Amino acid sequence: MTAIDAFGWQDAAACAGFPLDLFFGPEGEQQHEKPGREAAAKKVCACCMVRAACLDDAVANGIRFGVFGGTSEDERQALRDNFRRRMRAAETRRAS
């Protein structure tokens, strides 16, 4: 059993100790500020050894807000939409 298994992936996350408003837009954030904040958060995610687990958790649990696993809210929504399209296409092929 690894340390990640024993303590949970969150304990091994690179973002631990960073301010939450880096990953979640602070109150009053202007639209033009969001891309820069998200890029800074994604830089933290880029070197994280549990990035995949974080992304899997965010997608599986429908987390809509914030940067998780190196993805923004819109990017995770696109992943979910793409997955649903592929599932529908596979069901259609099976039914044919």
N, C-alpha and C. Protein backbone atom coordinates (compact mmCIF):
# COMPACT_ATOMS: atom_id res chain seq x y z
N MET A 1 0.85 -1.18 0.00
CA MET A 1 0.00 0.00 0.00
C MET A 1 0.90 1.24 0.00
N THR A 2 0.59 2.18 -0.89
CA THR A 2 1.38 3.40 -0.97
C THR A 2 0.84 4.45 -0.01
N ALA A 3 1.60 5.51 0.16
CA ALA A 3 1.15 6.61 1.01
C ALA A 3 -0.12 7.23 0.46
N ILE A 4 -0.24 7.26 -0.86
CA ILE A 4 -1.45 7.83 -1.46
C ILE A 4 -2.65 6.98 -1.10
N ASP A 5 -2.51 5.64 -1.15
CA ASP A 5 -3.61 4.76 -0.77
C ASP A 5 -3.97 4.94 0.70
N ALA A 6 -2.94 5.01 1.55
CA ALA A 6 -3.17 5.07 2.99
C ALA A 6 -3.81 6.37 3.44
N PHE A 7 -3.40 7.48 2.85
CA PHE A 7 -3.86 8.77 3.34
C PHE A 7 -4.85 9.47 2.41
N GLY A 8 -5.13 8.90 1.27
CA GLY A 8 -6.02 9.54 0.32
C GLY A 8 -5.25 10.45 -0.61
N TRP A 9 -5.72 10.53 -1.84
CA TRP A 9 -4.98 11.32 -2.84
C TRP A 9 -4.90 12.79 -2.47
N GLN A 10 -5.89 13.32 -1.75
CA GLN A 10 -5.86 14.75 -1.40
C GLN A 10 -4.64 15.12 -0.58
N ASP A 11 -4.20 14.21 0.27
CA ASP A 11 -3.04 14.49 1.11
C ASP A 11 -1.76 14.64 0.30
N ALA A 12 -1.74 14.05 -0.89
CA ALA A 12 -0.55 14.12 -1.73
C ALA A 12 -0.65 15.19 -2.81
N ALA A 13 -1.73 15.95 -2.80
CA ALA A 13 -1.96 16.94 -3.85
C ALA A 13 -0.98 18.11 -3.76
N ALA A 14 -0.51 18.55 -4.91
CA ALA A 14 0.42 19.68 -4.98
C ALA A 14 -0.23 20.98 -4.51
N CYS A 15 -1.55 21.06 -4.58
CA CYS A 15 -2.25 22.30 -4.22
C CYS A 15 -2.40 22.50 -2.72
N ALA A 16 -2.11 21.47 -1.93
CA ALA A 16 -2.23 21.60 -0.48
C ALA A 16 -1.41 22.78 0.01
N GLY A 17 -2.04 23.65 0.74
CA GLY A 17 -1.34 24.81 1.28
C GLY A 17 -1.46 26.07 0.44
N PHE A 18 -1.91 25.93 -0.81
CA PHE A 18 -2.14 27.12 -1.63
C PHE A 18 -3.48 27.73 -1.25
N PRO A 19 -3.63 29.03 -1.44
CA PRO A 19 -4.92 29.66 -1.11
C PRO A 19 -6.03 29.16 -2.03
N LEU A 20 -7.21 28.93 -1.46
CA LEU A 20 -8.34 28.43 -2.23
C LEU A 20 -8.73 29.35 -3.38
N ASP A 21 -8.53 30.66 -3.20
CA ASP A 21 -8.97 31.57 -4.26
C ASP A 21 -8.08 31.50 -5.50
N LEU A 22 -7.02 30.68 -5.47
CA LEU A 22 -6.27 30.40 -6.68
C LEU A 22 -7.04 29.41 -7.55
N PHE A 23 -7.73 28.48 -6.92
CA PHE A 23 -8.44 27.41 -7.63
C PHE A 23 -9.92 27.71 -7.81
N PHE A 24 -10.45 28.58 -6.98
CA PHE A 24 -11.84 29.01 -7.06
C PHE A 24 -11.84 30.53 -7.13
N GLY A 25 -12.56 31.07 -8.10
CA GLY A 25 -12.58 32.52 -8.26
C GLY A 25 -13.03 33.22 -6.99
N PRO A 26 -12.24 34.17 -6.54
CA PRO A 26 -12.65 34.91 -5.34
C PRO A 26 -13.86 35.78 -5.64
N GLU A 27 -14.58 36.10 -4.61
CA GLU A 27 -15.75 36.98 -4.77
C GLU A 27 -15.29 38.29 -5.41
N GLY A 28 -16.03 38.72 -6.40
CA GLY A 28 -15.71 39.97 -7.07
C GLY A 28 -14.71 39.82 -8.21
N GLU A 29 -14.31 38.58 -8.52
CA GLU A 29 -13.36 38.38 -9.61
C GLU A 29 -13.97 38.88 -10.92
N GLN A 30 -13.21 39.67 -11.65
CA GLN A 30 -13.64 40.17 -12.94
C GLN A 30 -13.41 39.09 -14.00
N GLN A 31 -14.25 39.08 -15.02
CA GLN A 31 -14.15 38.06 -16.07
C GLN A 31 -12.76 38.04 -16.72
N HIS A 32 -12.16 39.21 -16.90
CA HIS A 32 -10.84 39.26 -17.53
C HIS A 32 -9.72 38.75 -16.62
N GLU A 33 -9.99 38.60 -15.31
CA GLU A 33 -9.00 38.08 -14.38
C GLU A 33 -8.98 36.54 -14.32
N LYS A 34 -10.09 35.93 -14.70
CA LYS A 34 -10.24 34.49 -14.57
C LYS A 34 -9.19 33.69 -15.36
N PRO A 35 -8.93 34.00 -16.64
CA PRO A 35 -7.94 33.19 -17.37
C PRO A 35 -6.56 33.17 -16.72
N GLY A 36 -6.10 34.28 -16.21
CA GLY A 36 -4.80 34.33 -15.55
C GLY A 36 -4.77 33.52 -14.27
N ARG A 37 -5.84 33.62 -13.48
CA ARG A 37 -5.91 32.84 -12.24
C ARG A 37 -5.96 31.36 -12.55
N GLU A 38 -6.77 30.97 -13.54
CA GLU A 38 -6.86 29.56 -13.90
C GLU A 38 -5.52 29.03 -14.43
N ALA A 39 -4.83 29.84 -15.21
CA ALA A 39 -3.51 29.42 -15.72
C ALA A 39 -2.53 29.19 -14.58
N ALA A 40 -2.56 30.06 -13.57
CA ALA A 40 -1.68 29.89 -12.42
C ALA A 40 -2.03 28.62 -11.64
N ALA A 41 -3.33 28.35 -11.48
CA ALA A 41 -3.76 27.14 -10.79
C ALA A 41 -3.33 25.90 -11.57
N LYS A 42 -3.48 25.94 -12.89
CA LYS A 42 -3.11 24.80 -13.73
C LYS A 42 -1.61 24.52 -13.68
N LYS A 43 -0.80 25.55 -13.45
CA LYS A 43 0.65 25.34 -13.30
C LYS A 43 0.94 24.50 -12.06
N VAL A 44 0.17 24.73 -11.00
CA VAL A 44 0.33 23.92 -9.79
C VAL A 44 -0.08 22.48 -10.10
N CYS A 45 -1.19 22.32 -10.81
CA CYS A 45 -1.68 20.98 -11.16
C CYS A 45 -0.71 20.23 -12.06
N ALA A 46 -0.01 20.95 -12.91
CA ALA A 46 0.86 20.32 -13.91
C ALA A 46 1.95 19.46 -13.27
N CYS A 47 2.38 19.81 -12.07
CA CYS A 47 3.44 19.04 -11.42
C CYS A 47 2.90 18.12 -10.32
N CYS A 48 1.59 17.94 -10.29
CA CYS A 48 0.98 17.16 -9.21
C CYS A 48 0.95 15.68 -9.55
N MET A 49 1.40 14.86 -8.60
CA MET A 49 1.45 13.41 -8.84
C MET A 49 0.09 12.74 -8.70
N VAL A 50 -0.92 13.45 -8.21
CA VAL A 50 -2.25 12.86 -8.09
C VAL A 50 -3.26 13.60 -8.99
N ARG A 51 -2.76 14.24 -10.00
CA ARG A 51 -3.61 15.02 -10.91
C ARG A 51 -4.74 14.17 -11.51
N ALA A 52 -4.42 12.97 -11.98
CA ALA A 52 -5.44 12.11 -12.60
C ALA A 52 -6.53 11.74 -11.60
N ALA A 53 -6.15 11.41 -10.37
CA ALA A 53 -7.14 11.07 -9.34
C ALA A 53 -8.03 12.26 -9.03
N CYS A 54 -7.44 13.44 -9.00
CA CYS A 54 -8.20 14.66 -8.74
C CYS A 54 -9.22 14.91 -9.85
N LEU A 55 -8.77 14.77 -11.09
CA LEU A 55 -9.67 14.97 -12.22
C LEU A 55 -10.77 13.92 -12.23
N ASP A 56 -10.40 12.66 -12.01
CA ASP A 56 -11.40 11.59 -11.95
C ASP A 56 -12.46 11.88 -10.89
N ASP A 57 -12.02 12.32 -9.73
CA ASP A 57 -12.94 12.63 -8.64
C ASP A 57 -13.87 13.78 -9.00
N ALA A 58 -13.31 14.82 -9.61
CA ALA A 58 -14.12 15.99 -9.98
C ALA A 58 -15.16 15.63 -11.03
N VAL A 59 -14.78 14.84 -12.01
CA VAL A 59 -15.72 14.44 -13.06
C VAL A 59 -16.77 13.48 -12.50
N ALA A 60 -16.33 12.49 -11.74
CA ALA A 60 -17.24 11.49 -11.18
C ALA A 60 -18.27 12.12 -10.25
N ASN A 61 -17.87 13.17 -9.54
CA ASN A 61 -18.77 13.80 -8.57
C ASN A 61 -19.44 15.05 -9.10
N GLY A 62 -19.25 15.34 -10.38
CA GLY A 62 -19.94 16.48 -11.00
C GLY A 62 -19.55 17.82 -10.40
N ILE A 63 -18.30 17.96 -9.99
CA ILE A 63 -17.85 19.23 -9.42
C ILE A 63 -17.83 20.26 -10.53
N ARG A 64 -18.63 21.29 -10.38
CA ARG A 64 -18.82 22.25 -11.45
C ARG A 64 -17.92 23.47 -11.36
N PHE A 65 -17.42 23.79 -10.19
CA PHE A 65 -16.68 25.03 -10.02
C PHE A 65 -15.25 24.77 -9.61
N GLY A 66 -14.35 25.63 -10.05
CA GLY A 66 -12.96 25.56 -9.65
C GLY A 66 -12.09 24.80 -10.63
N VAL A 67 -10.80 24.82 -10.35
CA VAL A 67 -9.81 24.09 -11.14
C VAL A 67 -9.50 22.80 -10.38
N PHE A 68 -9.67 21.68 -11.06
CA PHE A 68 -9.39 20.35 -10.50
C PHE A 68 -8.66 19.54 -11.54
N GLY A 69 -7.62 18.85 -11.14
CA GLY A 69 -6.90 17.97 -12.05
C GLY A 69 -6.40 18.68 -13.29
N GLY A 70 -6.11 19.95 -13.16
CA GLY A 70 -5.59 20.72 -14.29
C GLY A 70 -6.63 21.15 -15.29
N THR A 71 -7.90 21.07 -14.92
CA THR A 71 -8.97 21.46 -15.83
C THR A 71 -9.86 22.53 -15.20
N SER A 72 -10.38 23.38 -16.07
CA SER A 72 -11.32 24.41 -15.63
C SER A 72 -12.74 23.83 -15.64
N GLU A 73 -13.67 24.62 -15.17
CA GLU A 73 -15.08 24.23 -15.16
C GLU A 73 -15.55 23.88 -16.57
N ASP A 74 -15.23 24.74 -17.54
CA ASP A 74 -15.66 24.52 -18.92
C ASP A 74 -15.01 23.28 -19.52
N GLU A 75 -13.76 23.05 -19.20
CA GLU A 75 -13.07 21.87 -19.74
C GLU A 75 -13.66 20.58 -19.19
N ARG A 76 -14.01 20.57 -17.90
CA ARG A 76 -14.64 19.37 -17.34
C ARG A 76 -16.02 19.16 -17.93
N GLN A 77 -16.75 20.22 -18.17
CA GLN A 77 -18.07 20.08 -18.79
C GLN A 77 -17.93 19.48 -20.18
N ALA A 78 -16.93 19.92 -20.92
CA ALA A 78 -16.68 19.37 -22.26
C ALA A 78 -16.33 17.89 -22.18
N LEU A 79 -15.53 17.50 -21.18
CA LEU A 79 -15.21 16.08 -20.99
C LEU A 79 -16.47 15.27 -20.71
N ARG A 80 -17.34 15.78 -19.84
CA ARG A 80 -18.58 15.08 -19.52
C ARG A 80 -19.47 14.97 -20.76
N ASP A 81 -19.59 16.07 -21.51
CA ASP A 81 -20.42 16.06 -22.72
C ASP A 81 -19.89 15.07 -23.74
N ASN A 82 -18.58 15.05 -23.94
CA ASN A 82 -17.95 14.13 -24.88
C ASN A 82 -18.19 12.68 -24.45
N PHE A 83 -18.06 12.41 -23.16
CA PHE A 83 -18.30 11.07 -22.65
C PHE A 83 -19.74 10.64 -22.91
N ARG A 84 -20.69 11.53 -22.64
CA ARG A 84 -22.10 11.20 -22.88
C ARG A 84 -22.37 10.92 -24.35
N ARG A 85 -21.77 11.72 -25.24
CA ARG A 85 -21.95 11.49 -26.68
C ARG A 85 -21.40 10.13 -27.09
N ARG A 86 -20.22 9.79 -26.58
CA ARG A 86 -19.63 8.49 -26.91
C ARG A 86 -20.47 7.34 -26.37
N MET A 87 -21.03 7.49 -25.19
CA MET A 87 -21.88 6.45 -24.62
C MET A 87 -23.15 6.27 -25.43
N ARG A 88 -23.77 7.38 -25.85
CA ARG A 88 -24.98 7.30 -26.67
C ARG A 88 -24.67 6.64 -28.01
N ALA A 89 -23.54 7.01 -28.60
CA ALA A 89 -23.14 6.42 -29.89
C ALA A 89 -22.91 4.91 -29.73
N ALA A 90 -22.28 4.50 -28.65
CA ALA A 90 -22.03 3.07 -28.42
C ALA A 90 -23.35 2.33 -28.22
N GLU A 91 -24.29 2.94 -27.50
CA GLU A 91 -25.60 2.31 -27.28
C GLU A 91 -26.34 2.18 -28.61
N THR A 92 -26.25 3.19 -29.45
CA THR A 92 -26.90 3.16 -30.75
C THR A 92 -26.33 2.05 -31.62
N ARG A 93 -25.01 1.90 -31.59
CA ARG A 93 -24.35 0.84 -32.37
C ARG A 93 -24.78 -0.54 -31.86
N ARG A 94 -24.87 -0.70 -30.55
CA ARG A 94 -25.28 -1.98 -29.97
C ARG A 94 -26.73 -2.31 -30.33
N ALA A 95 -27.57 -1.29 -30.38
CA ALA A 95 -28.99 -1.50 -30.66
C ALA A 95 -29.23 -1.81 -32.15
N SER A 96 -28.28 -1.47 -33.00
CA SER A 96 -28.46 -1.70 -34.44
C SER A 96 -28.24 -3.13 -34.83
